[in-house]
N, C-alpha and C. Protein backbone atom coordinates (compact mmCIF):
# COMPACT_ATOMS: atom_id res chain seq x y z
N UNK A 1 37.29 5.84 -60.39
CA UNK A 1 37.75 6.96 -59.60
C UNK A 1 38.32 6.48 -58.27
N UNK A 2 39.38 7.10 -57.83
CA UNK A 2 39.94 6.75 -56.53
C UNK A 2 39.11 7.40 -55.42
N UNK A 3 39.30 6.95 -54.20
CA UNK A 3 38.60 7.54 -53.06
C UNK A 3 38.97 9.01 -52.94
N UNK A 4 40.25 9.33 -53.13
CA UNK A 4 40.69 10.73 -53.04
C UNK A 4 39.96 11.58 -54.09
N UNK A 5 39.81 11.07 -55.30
CA UNK A 5 39.11 11.81 -56.35
C UNK A 5 37.63 11.98 -56.01
N UNK A 6 37.03 10.95 -55.43
CA UNK A 6 35.62 11.04 -55.02
C UNK A 6 35.44 12.11 -53.94
N UNK A 7 36.36 12.15 -52.99
CA UNK A 7 36.29 13.17 -51.93
C UNK A 7 36.45 14.56 -52.51
N UNK A 8 37.45 14.74 -53.37
CA UNK A 8 37.68 16.06 -54.00
C UNK A 8 36.47 16.50 -54.83
N UNK A 9 35.81 15.55 -55.49
CA UNK A 9 34.64 15.88 -56.32
C UNK A 9 33.52 16.47 -55.47
N UNK A 10 33.50 16.16 -54.18
CA UNK A 10 32.48 16.71 -53.27
C UNK A 10 33.05 17.86 -52.43
N UNK A 11 34.19 18.40 -52.88
CA UNK A 11 34.84 19.52 -52.20
C UNK A 11 35.22 19.20 -50.76
N UNK A 12 35.67 17.98 -50.54
CA UNK A 12 36.15 17.57 -49.23
C UNK A 12 37.67 17.45 -49.29
N UNK A 13 38.33 17.99 -48.29
CA UNK A 13 39.77 17.87 -48.19
C UNK A 13 40.12 16.40 -47.99
N UNK A 14 41.13 15.93 -48.68
CA UNK A 14 41.53 14.54 -48.58
C UNK A 14 42.48 14.40 -47.40
N UNK A 15 42.08 13.57 -46.44
CA UNK A 15 42.92 13.26 -45.28
C UNK A 15 42.97 11.74 -45.13
N UNK A 16 43.97 11.22 -44.43
CA UNK A 16 44.01 9.77 -44.24
C UNK A 16 42.76 9.24 -43.54
N UNK A 17 42.23 10.03 -42.59
CA UNK A 17 41.03 9.61 -41.86
C UNK A 17 39.83 9.53 -42.81
N UNK A 18 39.65 10.53 -43.63
CA UNK A 18 38.51 10.54 -44.57
C UNK A 18 38.64 9.42 -45.59
N UNK A 19 39.85 9.20 -46.07
CA UNK A 19 40.05 8.11 -47.03
C UNK A 19 39.71 6.77 -46.37
N UNK A 20 40.13 6.59 -45.13
CA UNK A 20 39.85 5.33 -44.42
C UNK A 20 38.35 5.17 -44.18
N UNK A 21 37.67 6.24 -43.77
CA UNK A 21 36.22 6.20 -43.56
C UNK A 21 35.52 5.82 -44.86
N UNK A 22 35.91 6.47 -45.95
CA UNK A 22 35.28 6.19 -47.25
C UNK A 22 35.52 4.75 -47.68
N UNK A 23 36.75 4.26 -47.51
CA UNK A 23 37.07 2.87 -47.89
C UNK A 23 36.20 1.87 -47.11
N UNK A 24 36.06 2.11 -45.82
CA UNK A 24 35.26 1.19 -44.99
C UNK A 24 33.80 1.25 -45.38
N UNK A 25 33.28 2.46 -45.62
CA UNK A 25 31.88 2.57 -46.03
C UNK A 25 31.64 1.97 -47.41
N UNK A 26 32.61 2.11 -48.30
CA UNK A 26 32.49 1.49 -49.62
C UNK A 26 32.48 -0.03 -49.51
N UNK A 27 33.27 -0.55 -48.60
CA UNK A 27 33.38 -2.00 -48.43
C UNK A 27 32.20 -2.58 -47.67
N UNK A 28 31.80 -1.93 -46.57
CA UNK A 28 30.80 -2.50 -45.67
C UNK A 28 29.43 -1.83 -45.76
N UNK A 29 29.40 -0.51 -46.00
CA UNK A 29 28.13 0.22 -46.09
C UNK A 29 27.24 0.04 -44.87
N UNK A 30 26.24 0.87 -44.75
CA UNK A 30 25.23 0.78 -43.69
C UNK A 30 25.84 0.51 -42.30
N UNK A 31 26.69 1.39 -41.85
CA UNK A 31 27.35 1.24 -40.55
C UNK A 31 26.96 2.36 -39.60
N UNK A 32 26.87 2.03 -38.32
CA UNK A 32 26.72 3.07 -37.30
C UNK A 32 28.10 3.70 -37.11
N UNK A 33 28.14 4.86 -36.47
CA UNK A 33 29.43 5.48 -36.18
C UNK A 33 30.27 4.57 -35.29
N UNK A 34 29.63 3.91 -34.33
CA UNK A 34 30.36 3.00 -33.44
C UNK A 34 31.01 1.84 -34.22
N UNK A 35 30.28 1.26 -35.16
CA UNK A 35 30.83 0.16 -35.97
C UNK A 35 31.95 0.67 -36.87
N UNK A 36 31.74 1.83 -37.45
CA UNK A 36 32.76 2.45 -38.30
C UNK A 36 34.03 2.70 -37.49
N UNK A 37 33.86 3.22 -36.28
CA UNK A 37 34.99 3.49 -35.39
C UNK A 37 35.75 2.20 -35.07
N UNK A 38 35.02 1.12 -34.81
CA UNK A 38 35.66 -0.16 -34.52
C UNK A 38 36.52 -0.62 -35.70
N UNK A 39 36.01 -0.49 -36.92
CA UNK A 39 36.80 -0.85 -38.10
C UNK A 39 38.02 0.06 -38.22
N UNK A 40 37.83 1.35 -38.00
CA UNK A 40 38.91 2.32 -38.17
C UNK A 40 40.06 2.09 -37.19
N UNK A 41 39.74 1.74 -35.96
CA UNK A 41 40.80 1.58 -34.96
C UNK A 41 41.72 0.39 -35.26
N UNK A 42 41.27 -0.50 -36.13
CA UNK A 42 42.13 -1.62 -36.53
C UNK A 42 43.33 -1.12 -37.33
N UNK A 43 43.12 -0.11 -38.17
CA UNK A 43 44.21 0.41 -39.01
C UNK A 43 44.70 1.78 -38.56
N UNK A 44 43.89 2.49 -37.80
CA UNK A 44 44.24 3.83 -37.30
C UNK A 44 43.99 3.87 -35.79
N UNK A 45 44.82 3.19 -34.99
CA UNK A 45 44.55 3.06 -33.56
C UNK A 45 44.49 4.38 -32.79
N UNK A 46 45.08 5.44 -33.32
CA UNK A 46 45.08 6.72 -32.60
C UNK A 46 43.88 7.60 -32.94
N UNK A 47 43.02 7.18 -33.86
CA UNK A 47 41.87 8.00 -34.25
C UNK A 47 40.88 8.07 -33.08
N UNK A 48 40.30 9.24 -32.89
CA UNK A 48 39.33 9.40 -31.80
C UNK A 48 37.91 9.29 -32.34
N UNK A 49 37.00 8.95 -31.46
CA UNK A 49 35.59 8.87 -31.85
C UNK A 49 35.09 10.25 -32.28
N UNK A 50 35.58 11.30 -31.63
CA UNK A 50 35.20 12.67 -32.00
C UNK A 50 35.61 12.99 -33.43
N UNK A 51 36.78 12.52 -33.84
CA UNK A 51 37.24 12.73 -35.22
C UNK A 51 36.32 12.03 -36.20
N UNK A 52 35.88 10.83 -35.86
CA UNK A 52 34.97 10.09 -36.74
C UNK A 52 33.66 10.85 -36.87
N UNK A 53 33.09 11.28 -35.74
CA UNK A 53 31.84 12.05 -35.78
C UNK A 53 31.98 13.32 -36.61
N UNK A 54 33.07 14.05 -36.41
CA UNK A 54 33.26 15.30 -37.15
C UNK A 54 33.36 15.04 -38.65
N UNK A 55 34.13 14.02 -39.02
CA UNK A 55 34.29 13.71 -40.44
C UNK A 55 32.99 13.22 -41.06
N UNK A 56 32.25 12.39 -40.35
CA UNK A 56 30.97 11.91 -40.88
C UNK A 56 30.02 13.09 -41.08
N UNK A 57 29.98 14.00 -40.10
CA UNK A 57 29.12 15.19 -40.20
C UNK A 57 29.49 16.00 -41.45
N UNK A 58 30.78 16.24 -41.66
CA UNK A 58 31.23 16.99 -42.84
C UNK A 58 30.89 16.25 -44.13
N UNK A 59 31.05 14.94 -44.14
CA UNK A 59 30.80 14.15 -45.34
C UNK A 59 29.30 14.11 -45.66
N UNK A 60 28.46 14.10 -44.64
CA UNK A 60 27.00 14.14 -44.86
C UNK A 60 26.62 15.51 -45.41
N UNK A 61 27.15 16.58 -44.81
CA UNK A 61 26.83 17.94 -45.26
C UNK A 61 27.21 18.18 -46.71
N UNK A 62 28.31 17.57 -47.16
CA UNK A 62 28.77 17.74 -48.55
C UNK A 62 28.11 16.76 -49.51
N UNK A 63 27.26 15.87 -48.98
CA UNK A 63 26.57 14.93 -49.85
C UNK A 63 27.40 13.73 -50.27
N UNK A 64 28.52 13.49 -49.60
CA UNK A 64 29.36 12.34 -49.92
C UNK A 64 28.86 11.08 -49.21
N UNK A 65 28.35 11.27 -48.01
CA UNK A 65 27.81 10.18 -47.20
C UNK A 65 26.35 10.46 -46.93
N UNK A 66 25.56 9.40 -46.89
CA UNK A 66 24.13 9.52 -46.62
C UNK A 66 23.82 8.90 -45.26
N UNK A 67 23.00 9.58 -44.49
CA UNK A 67 22.55 9.06 -43.21
C UNK A 67 21.21 8.36 -43.41
N UNK A 68 21.10 7.14 -42.91
CA UNK A 68 19.85 6.39 -42.99
C UNK A 68 19.30 6.31 -41.57
N UNK A 69 18.13 6.90 -41.38
CA UNK A 69 17.50 6.92 -40.06
C UNK A 69 16.47 5.80 -39.95
N UNK A 70 16.57 5.04 -38.88
CA UNK A 70 15.62 3.98 -38.59
C UNK A 70 14.99 4.25 -37.23
N UNK A 71 13.70 3.95 -37.07
CA UNK A 71 13.05 4.21 -35.78
C UNK A 71 13.73 3.46 -34.64
N UNK A 72 13.95 4.16 -33.54
CA UNK A 72 14.49 3.58 -32.31
C UNK A 72 15.85 2.93 -32.47
N UNK A 73 16.64 3.38 -33.43
CA UNK A 73 17.97 2.83 -33.65
C UNK A 73 18.94 3.95 -33.97
N UNK A 74 20.22 3.65 -33.80
CA UNK A 74 21.25 4.61 -34.19
C UNK A 74 21.25 4.74 -35.70
N UNK A 75 21.58 5.93 -36.18
CA UNK A 75 21.66 6.16 -37.62
C UNK A 75 22.73 5.29 -38.24
N UNK A 76 22.49 4.92 -39.48
CA UNK A 76 23.46 4.18 -40.27
C UNK A 76 23.97 5.10 -41.37
N UNK A 77 25.19 4.84 -41.83
CA UNK A 77 25.79 5.70 -42.84
C UNK A 77 26.29 4.84 -44.00
N UNK A 78 26.19 5.41 -45.19
CA UNK A 78 26.67 4.75 -46.40
C UNK A 78 27.15 5.82 -47.35
N UNK A 79 27.99 5.43 -48.30
CA UNK A 79 28.41 6.35 -49.35
C UNK A 79 27.18 6.73 -50.15
N UNK A 80 27.02 8.03 -50.41
CA UNK A 80 25.86 8.49 -51.15
C UNK A 80 26.03 8.11 -52.61
N UNK A 81 25.09 7.34 -53.10
CA UNK A 81 25.10 6.95 -54.50
C UNK A 81 23.78 7.37 -55.12
N UNK A 82 23.43 6.84 -56.24
CA UNK A 82 22.15 7.21 -56.86
C UNK A 82 21.02 7.02 -55.85
N UNK A 83 19.97 7.80 -56.02
CA UNK A 83 18.83 7.72 -55.10
C UNK A 83 18.28 6.30 -55.09
N UNK A 84 17.96 5.84 -53.89
CA UNK A 84 17.41 4.50 -53.74
C UNK A 84 16.62 4.44 -52.44
N UNK A 85 15.88 3.37 -52.28
CA UNK A 85 15.13 3.15 -51.05
C UNK A 85 15.74 1.95 -50.33
N UNK A 86 15.31 1.75 -49.09
CA UNK A 86 15.83 0.64 -48.29
C UNK A 86 14.69 -0.24 -47.80
N UNK A 87 15.01 -1.52 -47.58
CA UNK A 87 14.13 -2.40 -46.82
C UNK A 87 14.88 -2.73 -45.54
N UNK A 88 14.14 -2.79 -44.43
CA UNK A 88 14.74 -3.05 -43.13
C UNK A 88 13.97 -4.16 -42.45
N UNK A 89 14.67 -5.24 -42.10
CA UNK A 89 14.03 -6.37 -41.41
C UNK A 89 14.02 -6.09 -39.91
N UNK A 90 12.83 -6.13 -39.33
CA UNK A 90 12.70 -5.88 -37.89
C UNK A 90 13.27 -7.01 -37.04
N UNK A 91 13.41 -8.20 -37.62
CA UNK A 91 13.94 -9.35 -36.85
C UNK A 91 15.46 -9.34 -36.81
N UNK A 92 16.09 -9.41 -37.97
CA UNK A 92 17.55 -9.54 -38.02
C UNK A 92 18.27 -8.21 -38.22
N UNK A 93 17.51 -7.17 -38.58
CA UNK A 93 18.12 -5.85 -38.76
C UNK A 93 18.73 -5.62 -40.13
N UNK A 94 18.60 -6.59 -41.04
CA UNK A 94 19.19 -6.44 -42.37
C UNK A 94 18.64 -5.21 -43.07
N UNK A 95 19.53 -4.44 -43.67
CA UNK A 95 19.15 -3.25 -44.43
C UNK A 95 19.61 -3.47 -45.86
N UNK A 96 18.70 -3.39 -46.80
CA UNK A 96 18.99 -3.69 -48.20
C UNK A 96 18.65 -2.49 -49.07
N UNK A 97 19.52 -2.22 -50.05
CA UNK A 97 19.26 -1.17 -51.03
C UNK A 97 18.33 -1.71 -52.11
N UNK A 98 17.33 -0.90 -52.46
CA UNK A 98 16.45 -1.21 -53.59
C UNK A 98 16.61 -0.07 -54.58
N UNK A 99 16.97 -0.40 -55.78
CA UNK A 99 17.25 0.63 -56.77
C UNK A 99 15.96 1.18 -57.37
N UNK A 100 15.41 2.15 -56.64
CA UNK A 100 14.20 2.86 -57.04
C UNK A 100 14.37 4.28 -56.53
N UNK A 101 14.14 5.25 -57.36
CA UNK A 101 14.30 6.64 -56.96
C UNK A 101 13.03 7.11 -56.26
N UNK A 102 13.10 7.40 -54.95
CA UNK A 102 11.89 7.83 -54.23
C UNK A 102 11.33 9.15 -54.75
N UNK A 103 12.13 9.91 -55.48
CA UNK A 103 11.62 11.17 -56.04
C UNK A 103 10.64 10.94 -57.18
N UNK A 104 10.52 9.68 -57.63
CA UNK A 104 9.50 9.38 -58.63
C UNK A 104 8.10 9.60 -58.06
N UNK A 105 8.01 9.61 -56.74
CA UNK A 105 6.74 9.91 -56.07
C UNK A 105 6.48 11.41 -55.97
N UNK A 106 7.46 12.22 -56.34
CA UNK A 106 7.37 13.67 -56.17
C UNK A 106 6.14 14.26 -56.86
N UNK A 107 5.81 13.79 -58.04
CA UNK A 107 4.63 14.30 -58.75
C UNK A 107 3.36 14.06 -57.95
N UNK A 108 3.25 12.87 -57.36
CA UNK A 108 2.08 12.55 -56.54
C UNK A 108 2.03 13.45 -55.30
N UNK A 109 3.18 13.68 -54.68
CA UNK A 109 3.24 14.54 -53.49
C UNK A 109 2.82 15.96 -53.86
N UNK A 110 3.35 16.48 -54.96
CA UNK A 110 3.00 17.83 -55.40
C UNK A 110 1.51 17.93 -55.68
N UNK A 111 0.93 16.90 -56.29
CA UNK A 111 -0.50 16.90 -56.57
C UNK A 111 -1.30 16.90 -55.28
N UNK A 112 -0.92 16.05 -54.34
CA UNK A 112 -1.63 15.98 -53.05
C UNK A 112 -1.56 17.29 -52.29
N UNK A 113 -0.45 17.98 -52.41
CA UNK A 113 -0.27 19.24 -51.67
C UNK A 113 -0.63 20.46 -52.50
N UNK A 114 -1.18 20.24 -53.67
CA UNK A 114 -1.58 21.37 -54.51
C UNK A 114 -0.40 22.19 -54.99
N UNK A 115 0.66 21.55 -55.34
CA UNK A 115 1.87 22.22 -55.82
C UNK A 115 2.45 23.22 -54.83
N UNK A 116 2.14 23.06 -53.53
CA UNK A 116 2.68 23.97 -52.53
C UNK A 116 4.02 23.49 -51.97
N UNK A 117 4.55 22.42 -52.53
CA UNK A 117 5.80 21.86 -52.04
C UNK A 117 6.54 21.25 -53.22
N UNK A 118 7.85 21.51 -53.29
CA UNK A 118 8.67 20.96 -54.38
C UNK A 118 9.77 20.10 -53.79
N UNK A 119 9.55 18.79 -53.68
CA UNK A 119 10.57 17.92 -53.09
C UNK A 119 11.82 17.84 -53.96
N UNK A 120 13.00 17.86 -53.31
CA UNK A 120 14.25 17.71 -54.05
C UNK A 120 15.12 16.59 -53.48
N UNK A 121 14.68 16.00 -52.37
CA UNK A 121 15.37 14.82 -51.85
C UNK A 121 14.35 14.03 -51.04
N UNK A 122 14.65 12.75 -50.87
CA UNK A 122 13.73 11.89 -50.12
C UNK A 122 14.50 10.70 -49.57
N UNK A 123 14.01 10.18 -48.46
CA UNK A 123 14.55 8.96 -47.87
C UNK A 123 13.36 8.08 -47.53
N UNK A 124 13.40 6.86 -48.00
CA UNK A 124 12.28 5.96 -47.81
C UNK A 124 12.81 4.61 -47.34
N UNK A 125 12.26 4.13 -46.21
CA UNK A 125 12.64 2.83 -45.66
C UNK A 125 11.38 2.01 -45.45
N UNK A 126 11.30 0.87 -46.12
CA UNK A 126 10.20 -0.05 -45.91
C UNK A 126 10.60 -1.01 -44.81
N UNK A 127 9.76 -1.15 -43.80
CA UNK A 127 10.07 -2.04 -42.70
C UNK A 127 9.17 -3.27 -42.77
N UNK A 128 9.72 -4.38 -42.34
CA UNK A 128 8.96 -5.63 -42.34
C UNK A 128 9.86 -6.77 -41.91
N UNK A 129 9.60 -7.94 -42.44
CA UNK A 129 10.38 -9.13 -42.09
C UNK A 129 10.90 -9.75 -43.39
N UNK A 130 12.20 -10.00 -43.43
CA UNK A 130 12.80 -10.58 -44.63
C UNK A 130 12.39 -12.05 -44.76
N UNK A 131 12.59 -12.60 -45.94
CA UNK A 131 12.20 -14.00 -46.19
C UNK A 131 12.95 -14.98 -45.31
N UNK A 132 14.22 -14.72 -45.04
CA UNK A 132 15.00 -15.63 -44.19
C UNK A 132 14.37 -15.72 -42.81
N UNK A 133 14.05 -14.58 -42.22
CA UNK A 133 13.44 -14.57 -40.87
C UNK A 133 12.03 -15.15 -40.93
N UNK A 134 11.29 -14.83 -41.96
CA UNK A 134 9.93 -15.35 -42.11
C UNK A 134 9.94 -16.87 -42.18
N UNK A 135 10.91 -17.43 -42.93
CA UNK A 135 10.99 -18.89 -43.08
C UNK A 135 11.44 -19.58 -41.79
N UNK A 136 12.25 -18.91 -40.97
CA UNK A 136 12.70 -19.54 -39.72
C UNK A 136 11.63 -19.44 -38.63
N UNK A 137 10.65 -18.59 -38.81
CA UNK A 137 9.58 -18.45 -37.82
C UNK A 137 8.46 -19.45 -38.02
N UNK A 138 8.46 -20.14 -39.16
CA UNK A 138 7.38 -21.09 -39.46
C UNK A 138 7.49 -22.34 -38.65
C-alpha cells in the first residue's frame, strides 16, 4: 500500500505534509515532534512547527500514528501498527519494539478488577538498561 492509501484508509485527507510525515515516521519511527520537524524542513523548508503539531494530533486521533509516552521525556511518535510493547534504555534512550500484544493481559486485568473494566487498548513500556550499555558499564 502507498502512503496515500494508508492515510485514506484511516480517513485522513492526503496532503504533501501528511505524506512527508508518514514517510519519515515509516523510515525512522520513534521520533519527537522536534526531530520530525528537523527531518521535514530538509525537504519542506516552508513547513511550520504548528503544522507538524496539528497533523500529528490529527493522525493520532485517527489511529494512524501512535504516541509513546516516556517518563520525564517528550512523547515519541510512530506509525501505528499491530499492538506491541516497547523496551526503553535509561542510559542511551534506545526504544525497541517487542512484538507482544499488551491486551493479552486484559483477562488478568478484568479478573483483578472483578470484570468492572473492559480494556480495549494498552501501552506498555519496560524500562531498564540495554545489553550494550550494561556491557560498557562493566
